[in-house]
N, C-alpha and C. Protein backbone atom coordinates (compact mmCIF):
# COMPACT_ATOMS: atom_id res chain seq x y z
N UNK A 1 15.65 57.04 -22.53
CA UNK A 1 15.81 57.89 -24.33
C UNK A 1 16.68 56.30 -24.73
N UNK A 2 15.93 56.10 -25.87
CA UNK A 2 15.98 55.43 -26.34
C UNK A 2 16.36 55.59 -27.99
N UNK A 3 18.20 55.58 -28.90
CA UNK A 3 18.33 55.54 -30.03
C UNK A 3 18.09 54.14 -30.99
N UNK A 4 17.18 54.22 -31.51
CA UNK A 4 17.07 53.51 -32.61
C UNK A 4 18.64 53.01 -33.00
N UNK A 5 18.41 51.44 -33.20
CA UNK A 5 19.81 50.67 -33.85
C UNK A 5 20.67 50.59 -32.75
N UNK A 6 21.13 51.23 -32.07
CA UNK A 6 21.75 51.49 -30.52
C UNK A 6 21.86 50.85 -29.78
N UNK A 7 22.90 50.46 -28.72
CA UNK A 7 23.20 49.06 -27.31
C UNK A 7 23.42 50.95 -25.96
N UNK A 8 23.78 50.44 -25.73
CA UNK A 8 23.79 52.04 -24.37
C UNK A 8 25.09 50.56 -24.13
N UNK A 9 26.54 51.99 -22.84
CA UNK A 9 27.38 51.17 -23.15
C UNK A 9 27.98 51.76 -21.94
N UNK A 10 27.83 50.88 -20.78
CA UNK A 10 28.90 51.89 -19.30
C UNK A 10 29.71 51.48 -19.21
N UNK A 11 30.54 53.33 -19.42
CA UNK A 11 32.13 53.12 -19.59
C UNK A 11 32.47 53.94 -18.75
N UNK A 12 33.22 53.49 -18.14
CA UNK A 12 33.84 54.17 -16.96
C UNK A 12 36.04 54.37 -16.94
N UNK A 13 36.49 54.82 -18.39
CA UNK A 13 37.75 55.20 -18.27
C UNK A 13 38.13 55.63 -19.73
N UNK A 14 38.34 55.47 -20.57
CA UNK A 14 39.05 55.78 -21.70
C UNK A 14 38.08 55.57 -23.02
N UNK A 15 37.39 55.24 -23.10
CA UNK A 15 36.14 55.37 -23.82
C UNK A 15 35.04 56.80 -23.52
N UNK A 16 35.01 57.05 -22.16
CA UNK A 16 34.78 58.40 -21.98
C UNK A 16 35.32 59.78 -22.85
N UNK A 17 36.42 59.42 -22.37
CA UNK A 17 37.46 60.87 -23.39
C UNK A 17 37.05 60.86 -24.75
N UNK A 18 36.74 61.89 -24.48
CA UNK A 18 36.56 62.83 -26.26
C UNK A 18 37.65 62.58 -26.93
N UNK A 19 39.53 62.06 -26.95
CA UNK A 19 40.00 62.22 -27.79
C UNK A 19 40.17 60.88 -28.14
N UNK A 20 39.55 60.22 -26.92
CA UNK A 20 39.56 58.39 -27.58
C UNK A 20 38.00 57.94 -28.97
N UNK A 21 36.92 58.95 -28.27
CA UNK A 21 36.14 58.98 -28.79
C UNK A 21 36.07 59.34 -30.37
N UNK A 22 36.71 59.93 -30.18
CA UNK A 22 36.92 60.78 -32.41
C UNK A 22 37.87 59.88 -33.02
N UNK A 23 38.72 58.97 -32.94
CA UNK A 23 40.14 58.49 -32.90
C UNK A 23 38.80 56.75 -33.10
N UNK A 24 37.76 56.29 -32.23
CA UNK A 24 37.20 55.48 -32.86
C UNK A 24 36.14 55.04 -33.19
N UNK A 25 35.34 56.46 -32.96
CA UNK A 25 34.41 56.08 -33.59
C UNK A 25 34.04 57.93 -34.46
N UNK A 26 34.99 58.63 -34.72
CA UNK A 26 34.60 59.26 -35.26
C UNK A 26 34.08 60.57 -35.25
N UNK A 27 33.85 60.73 -33.66
CA UNK A 27 32.96 61.82 -33.42
C UNK A 27 32.43 61.68 -31.80
N UNK A 28 32.34 62.74 -31.19
CA UNK A 28 32.30 62.62 -29.47
C UNK A 28 30.81 62.57 -29.00
N UNK A 29 30.62 61.39 -28.13
CA UNK A 29 29.54 61.64 -28.32
C UNK A 29 28.90 62.00 -27.14
N UNK A 30 27.55 61.36 -26.52
CA UNK A 30 26.64 62.26 -25.83
C UNK A 30 26.67 61.50 -24.27
N UNK A 31 27.60 61.68 -22.52
CA UNK A 31 27.57 60.57 -22.49
C UNK A 31 26.59 60.63 -21.23
N UNK A 32 25.69 59.93 -20.81
CA UNK A 32 24.76 60.24 -19.90
C UNK A 32 25.70 59.42 -18.30
N UNK A 33 26.05 60.55 -16.86
CA UNK A 33 26.32 60.02 -16.21
C UNK A 33 25.42 59.08 -15.28
N UNK A 34 26.16 57.73 -14.78
CA UNK A 34 25.45 56.32 -14.20
C UNK A 34 26.80 56.25 -13.40
N UNK A 35 25.74 55.42 -12.54
CA UNK A 35 26.25 54.50 -11.70
C UNK A 35 25.90 52.75 -11.47
N UNK A 36 27.40 51.75 -11.48
CA UNK A 36 27.32 50.50 -11.17
C UNK A 36 27.05 50.13 -10.37
N UNK A 37 25.65 49.65 -9.08
CA UNK A 37 26.82 49.55 -8.01
C UNK A 37 26.66 47.94 -7.67
N UNK A 38 27.51 47.22 -6.80
CA UNK A 38 27.60 46.36 -7.01
C UNK A 38 29.45 45.92 -7.30
N UNK A 39 29.92 46.18 -7.75
CA UNK A 39 30.22 46.54 -8.38
C UNK A 39 31.85 47.60 -8.23
N UNK A 40 33.07 47.15 -8.27
CA UNK A 40 34.28 47.74 -8.36
C UNK A 40 35.12 48.04 -9.03
N UNK A 41 35.91 49.34 -9.15
CA UNK A 41 37.00 49.80 -9.72
C UNK A 41 38.44 49.19 -9.61
N UNK A 42 39.21 48.11 -9.64
CA UNK A 42 40.35 47.46 -9.93
C UNK A 42 41.44 47.79 -10.70
N UNK A 43 42.75 48.09 -10.55
CA UNK A 43 43.95 48.70 -11.07
C UNK A 43 44.51 47.06 -11.77
N UNK A 44 44.67 46.26 -12.73
CA UNK A 44 45.95 44.91 -13.25
C UNK A 44 46.52 44.89 -12.98
N UNK A 45 47.34 44.09 -12.85
CA UNK A 45 49.20 44.30 -12.82
C UNK A 45 49.61 44.84 -13.71
N UNK A 46 48.68 44.68 -15.47
CA UNK A 46 49.34 44.79 -16.43
C UNK A 46 49.29 46.42 -16.44
N UNK A 47 48.84 47.16 -15.59
CA UNK A 47 48.39 48.91 -15.18
C UNK A 47 47.05 49.06 -16.22
N UNK A 48 45.75 48.30 -16.76
CA UNK A 48 44.83 48.47 -17.10
C UNK A 48 43.80 47.93 -15.50
N UNK A 49 42.73 49.74 -16.14
CA UNK A 49 41.92 49.69 -15.33
C UNK A 49 40.49 48.38 -15.80
N UNK A 50 39.97 47.78 -14.54
CA UNK A 50 38.89 46.94 -15.19
C UNK A 50 37.65 47.03 -13.80
N UNK A 51 36.30 46.50 -13.97
CA UNK A 51 35.88 45.97 -12.98
C UNK A 51 35.43 45.13 -12.52
N UNK A 52 34.87 44.43 -11.09
CA UNK A 52 34.57 43.37 -11.33
C UNK A 52 33.24 43.29 -9.89
N UNK A 53 32.91 42.31 -10.36
CA UNK A 53 31.80 42.04 -8.92
C UNK A 53 32.54 42.69 -7.37
N UNK A 54 31.96 43.47 -6.97
CA UNK A 54 31.89 43.67 -4.89
C UNK A 54 30.85 44.19 -4.47
N UNK A 55 30.38 43.59 -3.76
CA UNK A 55 29.02 43.85 -2.72
C UNK A 55 29.94 45.83 -2.12
N UNK A 56 28.36 45.90 -2.30
CA UNK A 56 28.81 47.24 -0.97
C UNK A 56 29.95 48.12 -1.98
N UNK A 57 29.69 48.24 -3.12
CA UNK A 57 31.11 48.94 -3.60
C UNK A 57 30.46 50.27 -4.94
N UNK A 58 30.72 50.58 -5.71
CA UNK A 58 29.72 51.60 -6.49
C UNK A 58 31.24 51.95 -7.68
N UNK A 59 30.74 51.24 -8.75
CA UNK A 59 31.69 52.48 -9.62
C UNK A 59 30.55 53.30 -10.36
N UNK A 60 30.76 54.90 -10.80
CA UNK A 60 31.28 55.48 -11.58
C UNK A 60 31.39 55.59 -12.52
N UNK A 61 30.65 56.30 -14.10
CA UNK A 61 31.03 55.90 -15.20
C UNK A 61 29.59 57.04 -15.77
N UNK A 62 29.46 56.31 -17.21
CA UNK A 62 28.77 56.96 -18.22
C UNK A 62 27.99 56.36 -18.79
N UNK A 63 27.43 56.28 -19.76
CA UNK A 63 26.02 55.31 -20.26
C UNK A 63 27.02 56.30 -21.98
N UNK A 64 27.33 55.40 -22.63
CA UNK A 64 27.70 56.35 -24.65
C UNK A 64 26.20 54.99 -25.21
N UNK A 65 25.91 55.46 -26.32
CA UNK A 65 24.54 54.43 -27.27
C UNK A 65 26.28 54.27 -28.59
N UNK A 66 25.80 53.46 -28.35
CA UNK A 66 26.94 52.75 -30.32
C UNK A 66 25.62 52.00 -30.45
N UNK A 67 26.19 52.32 -32.25
CA UNK A 67 26.04 51.63 -32.68
C UNK A 67 26.57 50.11 -33.04
N UNK A 68 25.62 49.22 -34.16
CA UNK A 68 26.34 48.18 -34.32
C UNK A 68 28.23 48.42 -34.57
N UNK A 69 28.73 49.02 -35.74
CA UNK A 69 29.43 49.51 -36.26
C UNK A 69 31.07 49.51 -34.37
N UNK A 70 30.07 50.97 -34.11
CA UNK A 70 31.19 51.22 -32.81
C UNK A 70 31.06 50.23 -32.21
N UNK A 71 30.95 49.46 -32.05
CA UNK A 71 30.44 48.27 -30.83
C UNK A 71 31.68 47.83 -31.44
N UNK A 72 31.83 47.15 -32.25
CA UNK A 72 33.33 46.15 -33.23
C UNK A 72 33.73 46.91 -32.66
N UNK A 73 34.55 48.56 -33.17
CA UNK A 73 35.24 48.95 -32.76
C UNK A 73 35.47 49.44 -31.58
N UNK A 74 34.25 49.26 -30.13
CA UNK A 74 34.81 48.91 -29.14
C UNK A 74 35.39 47.92 -28.67
N UNK A 75 35.11 46.78 -29.43
CA UNK A 75 35.12 45.46 -28.40
C UNK A 75 36.82 45.55 -29.22
N UNK A 76 37.25 45.56 -30.05
CA UNK A 76 38.67 45.89 -30.83
C UNK A 76 39.77 46.42 -29.76
N UNK A 77 39.41 47.97 -29.08
CA UNK A 77 39.28 48.12 -28.86
C UNK A 77 40.00 47.88 -27.53
N UNK A 78 38.89 47.37 -26.91
CA UNK A 78 38.53 46.95 -25.28
C UNK A 78 39.55 45.47 -25.45
N UNK A 79 40.31 45.21 -26.47
CA UNK A 79 40.91 43.76 -26.85
C UNK A 79 39.45 41.98 -26.36
N UNK A 80 38.37 42.47 -26.64
CA UNK A 80 37.73 41.20 -26.28
C UNK A 80 38.14 40.16 -26.95
N UNK A 81 38.38 38.85 -26.52
CA UNK A 81 38.28 38.37 -24.81
C UNK A 81 39.06 38.78 -24.29
N UNK A 82 39.57 39.32 -23.86
CA UNK A 82 40.83 39.76 -22.86
C UNK A 82 40.07 40.11 -21.78
N UNK A 83 38.88 42.00 -21.76
CA UNK A 83 38.16 42.12 -21.47
C UNK A 83 36.74 41.43 -22.01
N UNK A 84 35.74 41.19 -21.15
CA UNK A 84 34.56 40.20 -20.69
C UNK A 84 33.49 41.46 -21.25
N UNK A 85 32.71 41.94 -22.81
CA UNK A 85 31.52 42.28 -23.00
C UNK A 85 30.14 41.39 -21.99
N UNK A 86 29.31 42.07 -21.43
CA UNK A 86 28.75 41.76 -20.12
C UNK A 86 27.41 43.07 -19.42
N UNK A 87 26.47 41.91 -19.96
CA UNK A 87 24.92 42.72 -19.60
C UNK A 87 24.62 43.30 -17.96
N UNK A 88 24.54 44.46 -17.33
CA UNK A 88 24.52 44.63 -16.82
C UNK A 88 23.16 45.94 -16.14
N UNK A 89 23.13 46.32 -15.28
CA UNK A 89 22.04 47.60 -14.93
C UNK A 89 22.50 48.52 -14.21
N UNK A 90 22.41 49.87 -14.51
CA UNK A 90 23.32 50.95 -14.62
C UNK A 90 22.14 51.94 -14.03
N UNK A 91 22.48 52.70 -12.56
CA UNK A 91 21.28 53.71 -12.47
C UNK A 91 22.24 55.43 -13.42
N UNK A 92 21.08 55.26 -14.10
CA UNK A 92 21.41 56.89 -15.25
C UNK A 92 20.42 57.99 -14.24
N UNK A 93 20.56 59.11 -14.15
CA UNK A 93 20.04 59.87 -13.43
C UNK A 93 18.97 58.51 -12.42
N UNK A 94 17.22 58.89 -12.83
CA UNK A 94 16.68 58.38 -11.25
C UNK A 94 16.07 56.99 -12.54
N UNK A 95 17.11 57.05 -13.35
CA UNK A 95 16.44 55.18 -13.96
C UNK A 95 17.23 53.94 -14.43
N UNK A 96 16.66 52.75 -13.91
CA UNK A 96 17.15 51.61 -14.12
C UNK A 96 18.17 51.86 -15.46
N UNK A 97 19.25 51.06 -16.16
CA UNK A 97 19.48 51.20 -18.27
C UNK A 97 20.15 49.19 -17.70
N UNK A 98 19.65 49.01 -18.52
CA UNK A 98 20.26 47.53 -18.99
C UNK A 98 21.48 47.89 -20.15
N UNK A 99 22.95 48.35 -19.88
CA UNK A 99 23.87 48.11 -20.63
C UNK A 99 24.99 46.64 -20.81
N UNK A 100 25.99 47.37 -21.48
CA UNK A 100 26.54 46.74 -22.12
C UNK A 100 27.86 47.54 -21.30
N UNK A 101 29.03 45.86 -20.57
CA UNK A 101 29.82 46.86 -20.09
C UNK A 101 30.95 46.04 -19.89
N UNK A 102 31.97 45.94 -20.56
CA UNK A 102 33.71 45.27 -20.55
C UNK A 102 34.07 45.35 -18.67
N UNK A 103 34.59 44.01 -18.46
CA UNK A 103 34.34 43.90 -17.59
C UNK A 103 36.10 42.54 -17.29
N UNK A 104 36.42 42.44 -16.81
CA UNK A 104 37.32 41.02 -16.09
C UNK A 104 37.22 40.71 -14.73
N UNK A 105 36.30 39.96 -14.83
CA UNK A 105 35.20 39.28 -13.60
C UNK A 105 36.45 39.34 -12.82
N UNK A 106 37.04 38.17 -12.87
CA UNK A 106 38.35 36.88 -12.62
C UNK A 106 39.98 37.52 -12.20
N UNK A 107 40.48 39.16 -13.47
CA UNK A 107 41.06 39.21 -12.74
C UNK A 107 41.70 39.33 -11.44
N UNK A 108 43.32 39.11 -11.77
CA UNK A 108 43.61 40.12 -10.42
C UNK A 108 44.40 41.19 -10.55
N UNK A 109 44.51 42.24 -9.02
CA UNK A 109 44.73 43.86 -9.51
C UNK A 109 44.41 44.07 -8.07
N UNK A 110 44.58 45.12 -8.00
CA UNK A 110 44.88 46.55 -6.60
C UNK A 110 44.01 47.05 -7.15
N UNK A 111 43.41 48.17 -5.47
CA UNK A 111 42.19 48.53 -5.30
C UNK A 111 43.23 50.18 -6.64
N UNK A 112 42.45 50.67 -6.82
CA UNK A 112 41.93 51.94 -8.25
C UNK A 112 41.52 52.55 -7.83
N UNK A 113 41.97 53.96 -7.10
CA UNK A 113 41.53 55.31 -6.84
C UNK A 113 40.43 56.22 -8.33
N UNK A 114 39.81 56.27 -8.09
CA UNK A 114 38.79 56.64 -9.69
C UNK A 114 39.68 57.16 -10.18
N UNK A 115 40.77 58.70 -9.92
CA UNK A 115 41.19 59.71 -10.52
C UNK A 115 42.00 58.76 -11.62
N UNK A 116 42.96 57.70 -10.78
CA UNK A 116 43.90 57.04 -12.50
C UNK A 116 43.10 56.50 -13.53
N UNK A 117 43.69 56.75 -14.79
CA UNK A 117 43.22 57.13 -15.82
C UNK A 117 43.84 55.57 -16.21
N UNK A 118 43.91 55.10 -17.09
CA UNK A 118 44.95 54.41 -17.58
C UNK A 118 44.44 54.58 -19.14
N UNK A 119 45.09 55.05 -19.88
CA UNK A 119 44.93 55.99 -21.41
C UNK A 119 45.92 55.18 -22.33
N UNK A 120 46.66 54.27 -21.94
CA UNK A 120 47.07 53.21 -22.58
C UNK A 120 48.35 53.81 -23.54
N UNK A 121 48.80 54.38 -22.56
CA UNK A 121 50.21 55.20 -23.29
C UNK A 121 51.31 54.32 -22.83
N UNK A 122 51.50 53.63 -22.04
CA UNK A 122 52.34 52.38 -21.75
C UNK A 122 53.33 52.52 -23.28
N UNK A 123 52.17 51.87 -24.33
CA UNK A 123 52.61 52.02 -25.25
C UNK A 123 52.44 53.05 -26.85
N UNK A 124 52.82 52.83 -28.12
CA UNK A 124 52.56 54.04 -29.19
C UNK A 124 51.05 53.63 -29.00
N UNK A 125 50.07 54.47 -29.39
CA UNK A 125 48.97 54.69 -29.77
C UNK A 125 49.14 54.77 -30.98
N UNK A 126 48.37 53.91 -32.04
CA UNK A 126 47.89 53.55 -33.08
C UNK A 126 46.29 52.98 -33.35
N UNK A 127 45.44 54.26 -34.00
CA UNK A 127 44.07 54.08 -33.82
C UNK A 127 44.42 54.14 -35.14
N UNK A 128 42.89 53.41 -36.07
CA UNK A 128 42.48 53.79 -37.68
C UNK A 128 41.21 54.77 -36.97
N UNK A 129 41.10 55.30 -37.66
CA UNK A 129 39.47 56.22 -37.50
C UNK A 129 38.48 55.52 -38.24
N UNK A 130 37.09 54.84 -37.23
CA UNK A 130 35.89 54.70 -37.21
C UNK A 130 35.85 55.12 -39.01
N UNK A 131 35.14 54.06 -39.48
CA UNK A 131 33.93 54.41 -40.64
C UNK A 131 32.96 53.47 -40.53
């Protein structure tokens, strides 16, 4: 499934949540379940989740398709270059997709159970609607 002008992004946290999608992109986006092999979820000492390379691990999440304007909104939300956008390959359903994903390849952190979501709750959430 390929949408003209849109780029697939593998997400594993807040960008999958309807609340944040509506605030960032002014709409709820369809999500295709996906798995990223060779990476693992970590919880940084700053309280934010991230993914980093790790053989024999996997991260479950979803793929969303973003327009260039939505990509800019996502980059601002993910504090690029604090998080780095990388090209990766995920398995979505029975296909392999080339996607973009936000990573912190060399960050320090600890193991993170998959149910822990970092929802930016430490501070007041201030978002401008996507236009």
